[in-house]
Amino acid sequence: MARVLFIVSGARYWVLKDGTRYATGYWAEEFAMPYKKVTEAGHEVVVATPDGVIPNVDMMSLRPSMAGGEEGALELEAIIRSAEVMRRPLKLSDVRLEDYDAVYLPGGHGPMADLAFDADAGRLLTAQLASGRPLAIVCHAPASMLATRIHGESPFKGYRVTCFTDEEEEAVGLAPRAPWLLETELKEKVGVDFSRGPIWEPYMVEDRNLITGQNPHSAGVLADRLLEILK
């Protein structure tokens, strides 16, 4: 049995360009599907957040229109409700990476508000990348790579990476209001070798021990790959 650390955003809102608070959190599918797959395979999941705050699900991600219908939304809700680990997260500052076989970060706009600027998240990602053990990051969670920079340099520079694209941000209508766009920031400030698939389609990139996914539908694909590696 492996132990997988889920680093989850603790944010409840993201401050937009005009100062308004956009309600957010983690995206249901990106937590629930990997959690279900990993635990059903017999592995243990431990959750950690900034300051150990209880993560907040982005309610938009539980809408049937976002969850593949009424049944999909109810399934996501049931998985989240059953995930006791989400109600007693560790503090990121207390995490000992040597206790875990892999690290996974779900997205939602939450990481744009906290993990992107969190020194503990940056330290843990840097150490996990250097360890050679699997590091899987999906959708908006690659924002956490911005926190790995020291004097403007990130260990993720030159890595092949995908994330929620600027085009997808345009499609959801947030791009004009966003204080910054993830794809652009990762290319310009981290120096990743960016690639992407069609919008809304599952797309995964693997480079050494780093696995990234483009959007919510990529979370299940990432989880399947993680399970292959953990066998």
Protein backbone atom coordinates (compact mmCIF):
# COMPACT_ATOMS: atom_id res chain seq x y z
CA MET A 1 0.00 0.00 0.00
CA ALA A 2 1.26 3.46 -0.91
CA ARG A 3 0.58 6.77 0.83
CA VAL A 4 -0.34 9.65 -1.46
CA LEU A 5 -0.24 13.25 -0.28
CA PHE A 6 -2.95 15.49 -1.76
CA ILE A 7 -1.93 19.17 -1.51
CA VAL A 8 -5.22 21.07 -1.75
CA SER A 9 -5.99 24.79 -1.89
CA GLY A 10 -7.60 26.31 1.19
CA ALA A 11 -8.87 29.38 -0.68
CA ARG A 12 -12.54 30.36 -0.71
CA TYR A 13 -12.27 33.21 -3.20
CA TRP A 14 -9.95 34.73 -5.80
CA VAL A 15 -9.63 38.51 -5.99
CA LEU A 16 -10.19 39.62 -9.59
CA LYS A 17 -8.67 42.59 -11.42
CA ASP A 18 -11.48 44.93 -10.37
CA GLY A 19 -11.18 43.91 -6.69
CA THR A 20 -14.30 41.71 -6.61
CA ARG A 21 -14.13 38.36 -4.83
CA TYR A 22 -14.80 35.41 -7.11
CA ALA A 23 -16.07 32.45 -5.07
CA THR A 24 -13.86 29.41 -5.63
CA GLY A 25 -11.98 26.56 -3.96
CA TYR A 26 -10.91 23.17 -5.29
CA TRP A 27 -12.68 21.64 -8.32
CA ALA A 28 -14.82 18.64 -7.29
CA GLU A 29 -13.89 16.27 -10.13
CA GLU A 30 -10.17 16.95 -9.69
CA PHE A 31 -10.26 15.85 -6.06
CA ALA A 32 -13.00 13.23 -6.15
CA MET A 33 -12.01 11.09 -9.15
CA PRO A 34 -8.34 10.63 -8.18
CA TYR A 35 -9.34 10.15 -4.52
CA LYS A 36 -11.79 7.40 -5.51
CA LYS A 37 -9.33 5.67 -7.85
CA VAL A 38 -6.40 5.84 -5.41
CA THR A 39 -8.35 4.65 -2.36
CA GLU A 40 -10.19 1.92 -4.26
CA ALA A 41 -6.78 0.62 -5.38
CA GLY A 42 -5.98 0.15 -1.67
CA HIS A 43 -3.75 3.19 -1.15
CA GLU A 44 -4.00 5.80 1.60
CA VAL A 45 -4.67 9.48 0.91
CA VAL A 46 -3.54 12.24 3.28
CA VAL A 47 -4.64 15.84 2.66
CA ALA A 48 -2.59 18.94 3.47
CA THR A 49 -3.55 22.61 3.02
CA PRO A 50 -2.03 26.00 3.85
CA ASP A 51 -2.38 26.41 7.64
CA GLY A 52 -4.41 23.19 7.80
CA VAL A 53 -7.64 24.96 6.78
CA ILE A 54 -10.52 22.72 5.69
CA PRO A 55 -10.69 22.87 1.88
CA ASN A 56 -13.71 24.44 0.24
CA VAL A 57 -15.29 22.89 -2.84
CA ASP A 58 -16.07 25.27 -5.70
CA MET A 59 -19.86 24.96 -5.81
CA MET A 60 -19.88 25.57 -9.55
CA SER A 61 -18.04 22.25 -9.99
CA LEU A 62 -21.00 20.42 -8.42
CA ARG A 63 -23.53 21.80 -10.91
CA PRO A 64 -24.93 19.04 -13.13
CA SER A 65 -23.93 21.09 -16.19
CA MET A 66 -20.30 20.95 -15.00
CA ALA A 67 -20.35 17.39 -13.68
CA GLY A 68 -21.70 15.50 -16.68
CA GLY A 69 -25.31 15.51 -15.51
CA GLU A 70 -27.32 15.03 -12.32
CA GLU A 71 -25.91 11.57 -11.64
CA GLY A 72 -22.32 12.76 -12.04
CA ALA A 73 -22.89 15.65 -9.66
CA LEU A 74 -24.42 13.36 -7.03
CA GLU A 75 -21.51 10.93 -7.33
CA LEU A 76 -18.94 13.69 -6.83
CA GLU A 77 -20.87 14.97 -3.82
CA ALA A 78 -21.01 11.48 -2.30
CA ILE A 79 -17.26 10.93 -2.75
CA ILE A 80 -16.43 14.29 -1.17
CA ARG A 81 -18.83 13.65 1.72
CA SER A 82 -17.23 10.26 2.37
CA ALA A 83 -13.67 11.67 2.31
CA GLU A 84 -13.06 12.10 6.02
CA VAL A 85 -9.44 13.16 5.31
CA MET A 86 -10.75 16.44 3.89
CA ARG A 87 -12.08 17.39 7.31
CA ARG A 88 -8.77 16.94 9.13
CA PRO A 89 -6.02 18.20 6.82
CA LEU A 90 -2.40 18.58 7.87
CA LYS A 91 -0.68 21.95 7.70
CA LEU A 92 1.64 22.16 4.69
CA SER A 93 4.34 23.38 7.08
CA ASP A 94 4.10 20.10 9.05
CA VAL A 95 4.37 17.73 6.07
CA ARG A 96 7.32 15.30 5.97
CA LEU A 97 7.65 14.28 2.33
CA GLU A 98 9.57 11.12 3.19
CA ASP A 99 6.30 9.74 4.60
CA TYR A 100 4.70 9.65 1.12
CA ASP A 101 5.18 7.69 -2.09
CA ALA A 102 3.61 10.32 -4.36
CA VAL A 103 2.18 13.84 -4.32
CA TYR A 104 -0.93 15.06 -6.17
CA LEU A 105 -2.40 18.56 -6.50
CA PRO A 106 -6.01 19.12 -7.68
CA GLY A 107 -6.96 22.46 -9.20
CA GLY A 108 -9.91 24.79 -9.33
CA HIS A 109 -9.18 28.52 -9.20
CA GLY A 110 -8.23 28.15 -5.52
CA PRO A 111 -4.49 27.55 -6.18
CA MET A 112 -4.39 30.85 -8.10
CA ALA A 113 -5.28 32.56 -4.81
CA ASP A 114 -3.06 30.68 -2.33
CA LEU A 115 -0.70 27.91 -3.53
CA ALA A 116 0.83 30.20 -6.18
CA PHE A 117 2.25 32.34 -3.36
CA ASP A 118 2.70 29.75 -0.60
CA ALA A 119 6.31 29.23 0.51
CA ASP A 120 5.56 25.79 2.00
CA ALA A 121 3.92 24.64 -1.24
CA GLY A 122 6.96 25.88 -3.17
CA ARG A 123 9.36 24.08 -0.82
CA LEU A 124 7.40 20.80 -1.00
CA LEU A 125 7.14 20.86 -4.81
CA THR A 126 10.85 21.59 -5.16
CA ALA A 127 11.74 18.71 -2.81
CA GLN A 128 9.31 16.26 -4.45
CA LEU A 129 10.65 17.09 -7.92
CA ALA A 130 14.22 16.50 -6.71
CA SER A 131 13.26 13.22 -4.96
CA GLY A 132 12.36 11.46 -8.20
CA ARG A 133 9.07 10.28 -6.69
CA PRO A 134 5.85 10.99 -8.65
CA LEU A 135 4.47 14.52 -8.64
CA ALA A 136 1.08 14.87 -10.38
CA ILE A 137 -0.52 18.30 -10.85
CA VAL A 138 -3.73 19.15 -12.72
CA CYS A 139 -5.58 22.12 -14.24
CA HIS A 140 -4.95 25.34 -12.21
CA ALA A 141 -2.77 23.62 -9.58
CA PRO A 142 0.44 24.15 -11.64
CA ALA A 143 0.07 27.72 -10.31
CA SER A 144 1.96 26.29 -7.32
CA MET A 145 5.09 26.12 -9.51
CA LEU A 146 5.24 29.93 -9.28
CA ALA A 147 5.95 29.53 -5.55
CA THR A 148 9.10 27.49 -6.28
CA ARG A 149 11.02 30.48 -7.65
CA ILE A 150 14.06 31.69 -5.73
CA HIS A 151 15.58 34.90 -7.14
CA GLY A 152 13.36 34.38 -10.19
CA GLU A 153 14.61 30.84 -10.93
CA SER A 154 12.41 27.73 -10.69
CA PRO A 155 13.53 24.07 -10.72
CA PHE A 156 10.60 23.46 -13.10
CA LYS A 157 12.27 25.57 -15.81
CA GLY A 158 12.54 23.57 -19.03
CA TYR A 159 10.16 20.82 -17.89
CA ARG A 160 7.42 19.80 -20.29
CA VAL A 161 4.18 20.96 -18.66
CA THR A 162 0.50 21.50 -19.41
CA CYS A 163 -2.18 23.35 -17.43
CA PHE A 164 -5.57 25.04 -17.84
CA THR A 165 -5.01 27.06 -20.99
CA ASP A 166 -5.57 30.75 -21.57
CA GLU A 167 -8.08 29.70 -24.25
CA GLU A 168 -10.07 27.70 -21.67
CA GLU A 169 -9.99 30.70 -19.31
CA GLU A 170 -11.40 32.78 -22.18
CA ALA A 171 -14.09 30.15 -22.78
CA VAL A 172 -15.30 30.30 -19.15
CA GLY A 173 -15.39 34.10 -19.40
CA LEU A 174 -12.82 34.81 -16.67
CA ALA A 175 -9.81 35.80 -18.77
CA PRO A 176 -10.67 39.53 -19.08
CA ARG A 177 -11.25 39.78 -15.31
CA ALA A 178 -8.36 37.60 -14.14
CA PRO A 179 -5.38 39.38 -12.55
CA TRP A 180 -3.12 36.94 -14.42
CA LEU A 181 -3.42 33.92 -16.69
CA LEU A 182 -1.81 30.64 -15.72
CA GLU A 183 -0.47 29.44 -19.08
CA THR A 184 1.15 32.83 -19.74
CA GLU A 185 2.69 33.05 -16.27
CA LEU A 186 4.15 29.52 -16.39
CA LYS A 187 5.75 30.20 -19.76
CA GLU A 188 7.06 33.65 -18.86
CA LYS A 189 7.95 33.36 -15.16
CA VAL A 190 8.81 29.67 -14.71
CA GLY A 191 10.10 28.97 -18.21
CA VAL A 192 8.27 25.68 -18.76
CA ASP A 193 8.16 23.93 -22.12
CA PHE A 194 4.39 24.24 -22.53
CA SER A 195 2.14 21.94 -24.55
CA ARG A 196 -1.61 21.46 -24.73
CA GLY A 197 -4.45 19.55 -26.33
CA PRO A 198 -7.87 20.72 -27.55
CA ILE A 199 -9.91 22.61 -24.94
CA TRP A 200 -11.95 20.47 -22.51
CA GLU A 201 -10.32 17.25 -23.75
CA PRO A 202 -8.23 15.08 -21.39
CA TYR A 203 -4.54 15.84 -21.99
CA MET A 204 -1.56 14.68 -19.94
CA VAL A 205 2.17 15.42 -20.16
CA GLU A 206 4.85 13.36 -18.44
CA ASP A 207 8.43 14.57 -18.04
CA ARG A 208 10.67 12.57 -15.72
CA ASN A 209 8.74 12.27 -12.42
CA LEU A 210 6.43 15.23 -13.19
CA ILE A 211 2.95 14.51 -14.58
CA THR A 212 0.63 17.40 -15.45
CA GLY A 213 -2.95 17.52 -16.75
CA GLN A 214 -4.65 20.30 -18.67
CA ASN A 215 -8.18 20.50 -17.27
CA PRO A 216 -10.75 18.80 -14.98
CA HIS A 217 -11.27 15.89 -17.41
CA SER A 218 -7.53 15.16 -17.23
CA ALA A 219 -7.68 14.32 -13.50
CA GLY A 220 -8.86 10.74 -14.04
CA VAL A 221 -6.13 10.11 -16.64
CA LEU A 222 -3.50 11.45 -14.23
CA ALA A 223 -4.80 9.22 -11.45
CA ASP A 224 -4.63 6.15 -13.72
CA ARG A 225 -1.01 6.96 -14.61
CA LEU A 226 -0.14 7.52 -10.95
CA LEU A 227 -1.57 4.10 -10.07
CA GLU A 228 0.52 2.46 -12.83
CA ILE A 229 3.66 4.04 -11.36
CA LEU A 230 2.75 3.03 -7.80
CA LYS A 231 2.23 -0.66 -8.71
